[in-house]
Amino acid sequence: MAVSLVIALIVENPQQQLKLLRCLFGKLQQPDIVETLITLPEPQLKEYFTKYVLDSDE
């Protein structure tokens, strides 16, 4: 089964862009995070993505 996941980001601070992209691609290597992003209901996606991807300390 093939599933597409599209993430669109607007980066307001260009200096943080590389850090954000590294973090994002690192997180997308974790199957549990990808599975959650694919299966989570849309109303909960923003909160999950912000908490576990964007605001992560990694």
PDB file of N, CA and C in Angstrom:
ATOM      1  N   MET A   1       0.843  -1.173   0.000  1.00  0.00           N
ATOM      2  CA  MET A   1       0.000   0.000   0.000  1.00  0.00           C
ATOM      3  C   MET A   1       0.890   1.238   0.000  1.00  0.00           C
ATOM      4  N   ALA A   2       0.712   2.109  -0.946  1.00  0.00           N
ATOM      5  CA  ALA A   2       1.493   3.344  -1.026  1.00  0.00           C
ATOM      6  C   ALA A   2       0.651   4.504  -0.513  1.00  0.00           C
ATOM      7  N   VAL A   3       1.275   5.330   0.307  1.00  0.00           N
ATOM      8  CA  VAL A   3       0.600   6.496   0.865  1.00  0.00           C
ATOM      9  C   VAL A   3       1.489   7.700   0.645  1.00  0.00           C
ATOM     10  N   SER A   4       0.896   8.791   0.231  1.00  0.00           N
ATOM     11  CA  SER A   4       1.654  10.036   0.058  1.00  0.00           C
ATOM     12  C   SER A   4       1.443  10.927   1.270  1.00  0.00           C
ATOM     13  N   LEU A   5       2.505  11.554   1.709  1.00  0.00           N
ATOM     14  CA  LEU A   5       2.441  12.506   2.809  1.00  0.00           C
ATOM     15  C   LEU A   5       3.071  13.793   2.317  1.00  0.00           C
ATOM     16  N   VAL A   6       2.299  14.853   2.290  1.00  0.00           N
ATOM     17  CA  VAL A   6       2.791  16.146   1.824  1.00  0.00           C
ATOM     18  C   VAL A   6       2.794  17.097   3.007  1.00  0.00           C
ATOM     19  N   ILE A   7       3.948  17.720   3.247  1.00  0.00           N
ATOM     20  CA  ILE A   7       4.083  18.686   4.330  1.00  0.00           C
ATOM     21  C   ILE A   7       4.539  19.995   3.719  1.00  0.00           C
ATOM     22  N   ALA A   8       3.747  21.031   3.913  1.00  0.00           N
ATOM     23  CA  ALA A   8       4.099  22.360   3.410  1.00  0.00           C
ATOM     24  C   ALA A   8       4.459  23.240   4.602  1.00  0.00           C
ATOM     25  N   LEU A   9       5.627  23.834   4.552  1.00  0.00           N
ATOM     26  CA  LEU A   9       6.085  24.689   5.649  1.00  0.00           C
ATOM     27  C   LEU A   9       6.410  26.076   5.126  1.00  0.00           C
ATOM     28  N   ILE A  10       6.081  27.060   5.928  1.00  0.00           N
ATOM     29  CA  ILE A  10       6.495  28.432   5.647  1.00  0.00           C
ATOM     30  C   ILE A  10       7.462  28.812   6.757  1.00  0.00           C
ATOM     31  N   VAL A  11       8.682  29.098   6.399  1.00  0.00           N
ATOM     32  CA  VAL A  11       9.705  29.437   7.382  1.00  0.00           C
ATOM     33  C   VAL A  11       9.883  30.944   7.393  1.00  0.00           C
ATOM     34  N   GLU A  12       9.545  31.557   8.527  1.00  0.00           N
ATOM     35  CA  GLU A  12       9.638  33.010   8.650  1.00  0.00           C
ATOM     36  C   GLU A  12      11.049  33.470   8.984  1.00  0.00           C
ATOM     37  N   ASN A  13      11.835  32.586   9.565  1.00  0.00           N
ATOM     38  CA  ASN A  13      13.191  32.931   9.964  1.00  0.00           C
ATOM     39  C   ASN A  13      14.162  32.075   9.148  1.00  0.00           C
ATOM     40  N   PRO A  14      14.737  32.630   8.090  1.00  0.00           N
ATOM     41  CA  PRO A  14      15.624  31.848   7.217  1.00  0.00           C
ATOM     42  C   PRO A  14      16.792  31.191   7.951  1.00  0.00           C
ATOM     43  N   GLN A  15      17.250  31.792   9.047  1.00  0.00           N
ATOM     44  CA  GLN A  15      18.371  31.217   9.794  1.00  0.00           C
ATOM     45  C   GLN A  15      17.987  29.892  10.451  1.00  0.00           C
ATOM     46  N   GLN A  16      16.701  29.718  10.728  1.00  0.00           N
ATOM     47  CA  GLN A  16      16.239  28.484  11.353  1.00  0.00           C
ATOM     48  C   GLN A  16      15.831  27.422  10.330  1.00  0.00           C
ATOM     49  N   GLN A  17      15.836  27.783   9.050  1.00  0.00           N
ATOM     50  CA  GLN A  17      15.346  26.879   8.018  1.00  0.00           C
ATOM     51  C   GLN A  17      16.117  25.558   7.984  1.00  0.00           C
ATOM     52  N   LEU A  18      17.429  25.606   7.992  1.00  0.00           N
ATOM     53  CA  LEU A  18      18.227  24.384   7.932  1.00  0.00           C
ATOM     54  C   LEU A  18      17.993  23.513   9.162  1.00  0.00           C
ATOM     55  N   LYS A  19      17.956  24.132  10.333  1.00  0.00           N
ATOM     56  CA  LYS A  19      17.702  23.392  11.570  1.00  0.00           C
ATOM     57  C   LYS A  19      16.335  22.706  11.508  1.00  0.00           C
ATOM     58  N   LEU A  20      15.331  23.427  11.046  1.00  0.00           N
ATOM     59  CA  LEU A  20      13.988  22.875  10.946  1.00  0.00           C
ATOM     60  C   LEU A  20      13.946  21.702   9.969  1.00  0.00           C
ATOM     61  N   LEU A  21      14.575  21.859   8.817  1.00  0.00           N
ATOM     62  CA  LEU A  21      14.565  20.787   7.817  1.00  0.00           C
ATOM     63  C   LEU A  21      15.299  19.545   8.314  1.00  0.00           C
ATOM     64  N   ARG A  22      16.416  19.725   9.000  1.00  0.00           N
ATOM     65  CA  ARG A  22      17.145  18.576   9.562  1.00  0.00           C
ATOM     66  C   ARG A  22      16.276  17.837  10.573  1.00  0.00           C
ATOM     67  N   CYS A  23      15.632  18.601  11.439  1.00  0.00           N
ATOM     68  CA  CYS A  23      14.757  18.001  12.445  1.00  0.00           C
ATOM     69  C   CYS A  23      13.607  17.263  11.772  1.00  0.00           C
ATOM     70  N   LEU A  24      12.979  17.904  10.808  1.00  0.00           N
ATOM     71  CA  LEU A  24      11.842  17.304  10.114  1.00  0.00           C
ATOM     72  C   LEU A  24      12.241  15.996   9.436  1.00  0.00           C
ATOM     73  N   PHE A  25      13.319  16.006   8.669  1.00  0.00           N
ATOM     74  CA  PHE A  25      13.733  14.789   7.975  1.00  0.00           C
ATOM     75  C   PHE A  25      14.174  13.707   8.958  1.00  0.00           C
ATOM     76  N   GLY A  26      14.766  14.114  10.068  1.00  0.00           N
ATOM     77  CA  GLY A  26      15.115  13.136  11.099  1.00  0.00           C
ATOM     78  C   GLY A  26      13.880  12.468  11.681  1.00  0.00           C
ATOM     79  N   LYS A  27      12.874  13.267  11.970  1.00  0.00           N
ATOM     80  CA  LYS A  27      11.629  12.727  12.521  1.00  0.00           C
ATOM     81  C   LYS A  27      10.925  11.823  11.517  1.00  0.00           C
ATOM     82  N   LEU A  28      10.994  12.174  10.235  1.00  0.00           N
ATOM     83  CA  LEU A  28      10.316  11.371   9.217  1.00  0.00           C
ATOM     84  C   LEU A  28      11.003  10.030   8.977  1.00  0.00           C
ATOM     85  N   GLN A  29      12.161   9.807   9.601  1.00  0.00           N
ATOM     86  CA  GLN A  29      12.824   8.506   9.534  1.00  0.00           C
ATOM     87  C   GLN A  29      12.259   7.552  10.584  1.00  0.00           C
ATOM     88  N   GLN A  30      11.438   8.080  11.497  1.00  0.00           N
ATOM     89  CA  GLN A  30      10.855   7.270  12.563  1.00  0.00           C
ATOM     90  C   GLN A  30       9.477   6.774  12.119  1.00  0.00           C
ATOM     91  N   PRO A  31       9.340   5.469  11.894  1.00  0.00           N
ATOM     92  CA  PRO A  31       8.081   4.931  11.370  1.00  0.00           C
ATOM     93  C   PRO A  31       6.859   5.270  12.214  1.00  0.00           C
ATOM     94  N   ASP A  32       7.017   5.333  13.538  1.00  0.00           N
ATOM     95  CA  ASP A  32       5.853   5.623  14.378  1.00  0.00           C
ATOM     96  C   ASP A  32       5.332   7.036  14.149  1.00  0.00           C
ATOM     97  N   ILE A  33       6.224   7.992  13.926  1.00  0.00           N
ATOM     98  CA  ILE A  33       5.796   9.367  13.663  1.00  0.00           C
ATOM     99  C   ILE A  33       5.119   9.458  12.303  1.00  0.00           C
ATOM    100  N   VAL A  34       5.683   8.815  11.301  1.00  0.00           N
ATOM    101  CA  VAL A  34       5.075   8.831   9.964  1.00  0.00           C
ATOM    102  C   VAL A  34       3.698   8.183  10.014  1.00  0.00           C
ATOM    103  N   GLU A  35       3.588   7.049  10.677  1.00  0.00           N
ATOM    104  CA  GLU A  35       2.299   6.354  10.793  1.00  0.00           C
ATOM    105  C   GLU A  35       1.260   7.241  11.481  1.00  0.00           C
ATOM    106  N   THR A  36       1.671   7.923  12.531  1.00  0.00           N
ATOM    107  CA  THR A  36       0.747   8.811  13.235  1.00  0.00           C
ATOM    108  C   THR A  36       0.317   9.962  12.348  1.00  0.00           C
ATOM    109  N   LEU A  37       1.243  10.573  11.630  1.00  0.00           N
ATOM    110  CA  LEU A  37       0.892  11.683  10.743  1.00  0.00           C
ATOM    111  C   LEU A  37      -0.085  11.246   9.655  1.00  0.00           C
ATOM    112  N   ILE A  38       0.051  10.023   9.192  1.00  0.00           N
ATOM    113  CA  ILE A  38      -0.823   9.527   8.130  1.00  0.00           C
ATOM    114  C   ILE A  38      -2.214   9.181   8.665  1.00  0.00           C
ATOM    115  N   THR A  39      -2.288   8.650   9.875  1.00  0.00           N
ATOM    116  CA  THR A  39      -3.559   8.138  10.383  1.00  0.00           C
ATOM    117  C   THR A  39      -4.308   9.080  11.315  1.00  0.00           C
ATOM    118  N   LEU A  40      -3.657  10.086  11.832  1.00  0.00           N
ATOM    119  CA  LEU A  40      -4.301  10.988  12.791  1.00  0.00           C
ATOM    120  C   LEU A  40      -5.390  11.815  12.109  1.00  0.00           C
ATOM    121  N   PRO A  41      -6.533  11.980  12.755  1.00  0.00           N
ATOM    122  CA  PRO A  41      -7.584  12.833  12.185  1.00  0.00           C
ATOM    123  C   PRO A  41      -7.086  14.266  11.995  1.00  0.00           C
ATOM    124  N   GLU A  42      -7.536  14.890  10.936  1.00  0.00           N
ATOM    125  CA  GLU A  42      -7.052  16.222  10.571  1.00  0.00           C
ATOM    126  C   GLU A  42      -7.110  17.251  11.706  1.00  0.00           C
ATOM    127  N   PRO A  43      -8.180  17.296  12.503  1.00  0.00           N
ATOM    128  CA  PRO A  43      -8.222  18.315  13.571  1.00  0.00           C
ATOM    129  C   PRO A  43      -7.078  18.199  14.583  1.00  0.00           C
ATOM    130  N   GLN A  44      -6.477  17.015  14.705  1.00  0.00           N
ATOM    131  CA  GLN A  44      -5.396  16.806  15.675  1.00  0.00           C
ATOM    132  C   GLN A  44      -4.000  16.919  15.064  1.00  0.00           C
ATOM    133  N   LEU A  45      -3.914  17.004  13.751  1.00  0.00           N
ATOM    134  CA  LEU A  45      -2.612  17.005  13.076  1.00  0.00           C
ATOM    135  C   LEU A  45      -1.728  18.182  13.458  1.00  0.00           C
ATOM    136  N   LYS A  46      -2.276  19.378  13.469  1.00  0.00           N
ATOM    137  CA  LYS A  46      -1.459  20.561  13.754  1.00  0.00           C
ATOM    138  C   LYS A  46      -0.826  20.469  15.134  1.00  0.00           C
ATOM    139  N   GLU A  47      -1.616  20.098  16.133  1.00  0.00           N
ATOM    140  CA  GLU A  47      -1.092  20.003  17.495  1.00  0.00           C
ATOM    141  C   GLU A  47      -0.002  18.934  17.595  1.00  0.00           C
ATOM    142  N   TYR A  48      -0.245  17.774  17.002  1.00  0.00           N
ATOM    143  CA  TYR A  48       0.741  16.694  17.037  1.00  0.00           C
ATOM    144  C   TYR A  48       2.024  17.103  16.320  1.00  0.00           C
ATOM    145  N   PHE A  49       1.881  17.644  15.117  1.00  0.00           N
ATOM    146  CA  PHE A  49       3.046  18.032  14.323  1.00  0.00           C
ATOM    147  C   PHE A  49       3.871  19.081  15.060  1.00  0.00           C
ATOM    148  N   THR A  50       3.193  20.061  15.639  1.00  0.00           N
ATOM    149  CA  THR A  50       3.894  21.113  16.377  1.00  0.00           C
ATOM    150  C   THR A  50       4.621  20.540  17.587  1.00  0.00           C
ATOM    151  N   LYS A  51       3.950  19.704  18.353  1.00  0.00           N
ATOM    152  CA  LYS A  51       4.527  19.172  19.589  1.00  0.00           C
ATOM    153  C   LYS A  51       5.661  18.180  19.339  1.00  0.00           C
ATOM    154  N   TYR A  52       5.458  17.241  18.427  1.00  0.00           N
ATOM    155  CA  TYR A  52       6.415  16.149  18.264  1.00  0.00           C
ATOM    156  C   TYR A  52       7.426  16.342  17.147  1.00  0.00           C
ATOM    157  N   VAL A  53       7.206  17.317  16.288  1.00  0.00           N
ATOM    158  CA  VAL A  53       8.159  17.550  15.203  1.00  0.00           C
ATOM    159  C   VAL A  53       8.794  18.927  15.344  1.00  0.00           C
ATOM    160  N   LEU A  54       8.002  19.981  15.309  1.00  0.00           N
ATOM    161  CA  LEU A  54       8.558  21.337  15.313  1.00  0.00           C
ATOM    162  C   LEU A  54       9.150  21.750  16.653  1.00  0.00           C
ATOM    163  N   ASP A  55       8.491  21.406  17.760  1.00  0.00           N
ATOM    164  CA  ASP A  55       8.955  21.835  19.074  1.00  0.00           C
ATOM    165  C   ASP A  55       9.834  20.804  19.762  1.00  0.00           C
ATOM    166  N   SER A  56      10.241  19.803  19.039  1.00  0.00           N
ATOM    167  CA  SER A  56      11.076  18.753  19.603  1.00  0.00           C
ATOM    168  C   SER A  56      12.454  19.302  19.946  1.00  0.00           C
ATOM    169  N   ASP A  57      13.058  18.765  20.991  1.00  0.00           N
ATOM    170  CA  ASP A  57      14.399  19.205  21.403  1.00  0.00           C
ATOM    171  C   ASP A  57      15.505  18.556  20.584  1.00  0.00           C
ATOM    172  N   GLU A  58      15.165  17.638  19.713  1.00  0.00           N
ATOM    173  CA  GLU A  58      16.192  16.941  18.925  1.00  0.00           C
ATOM    174  C   GLU A  58      16.724  17.813  17.831  1.00  0.00           C
TER     175      GLU A  58
END
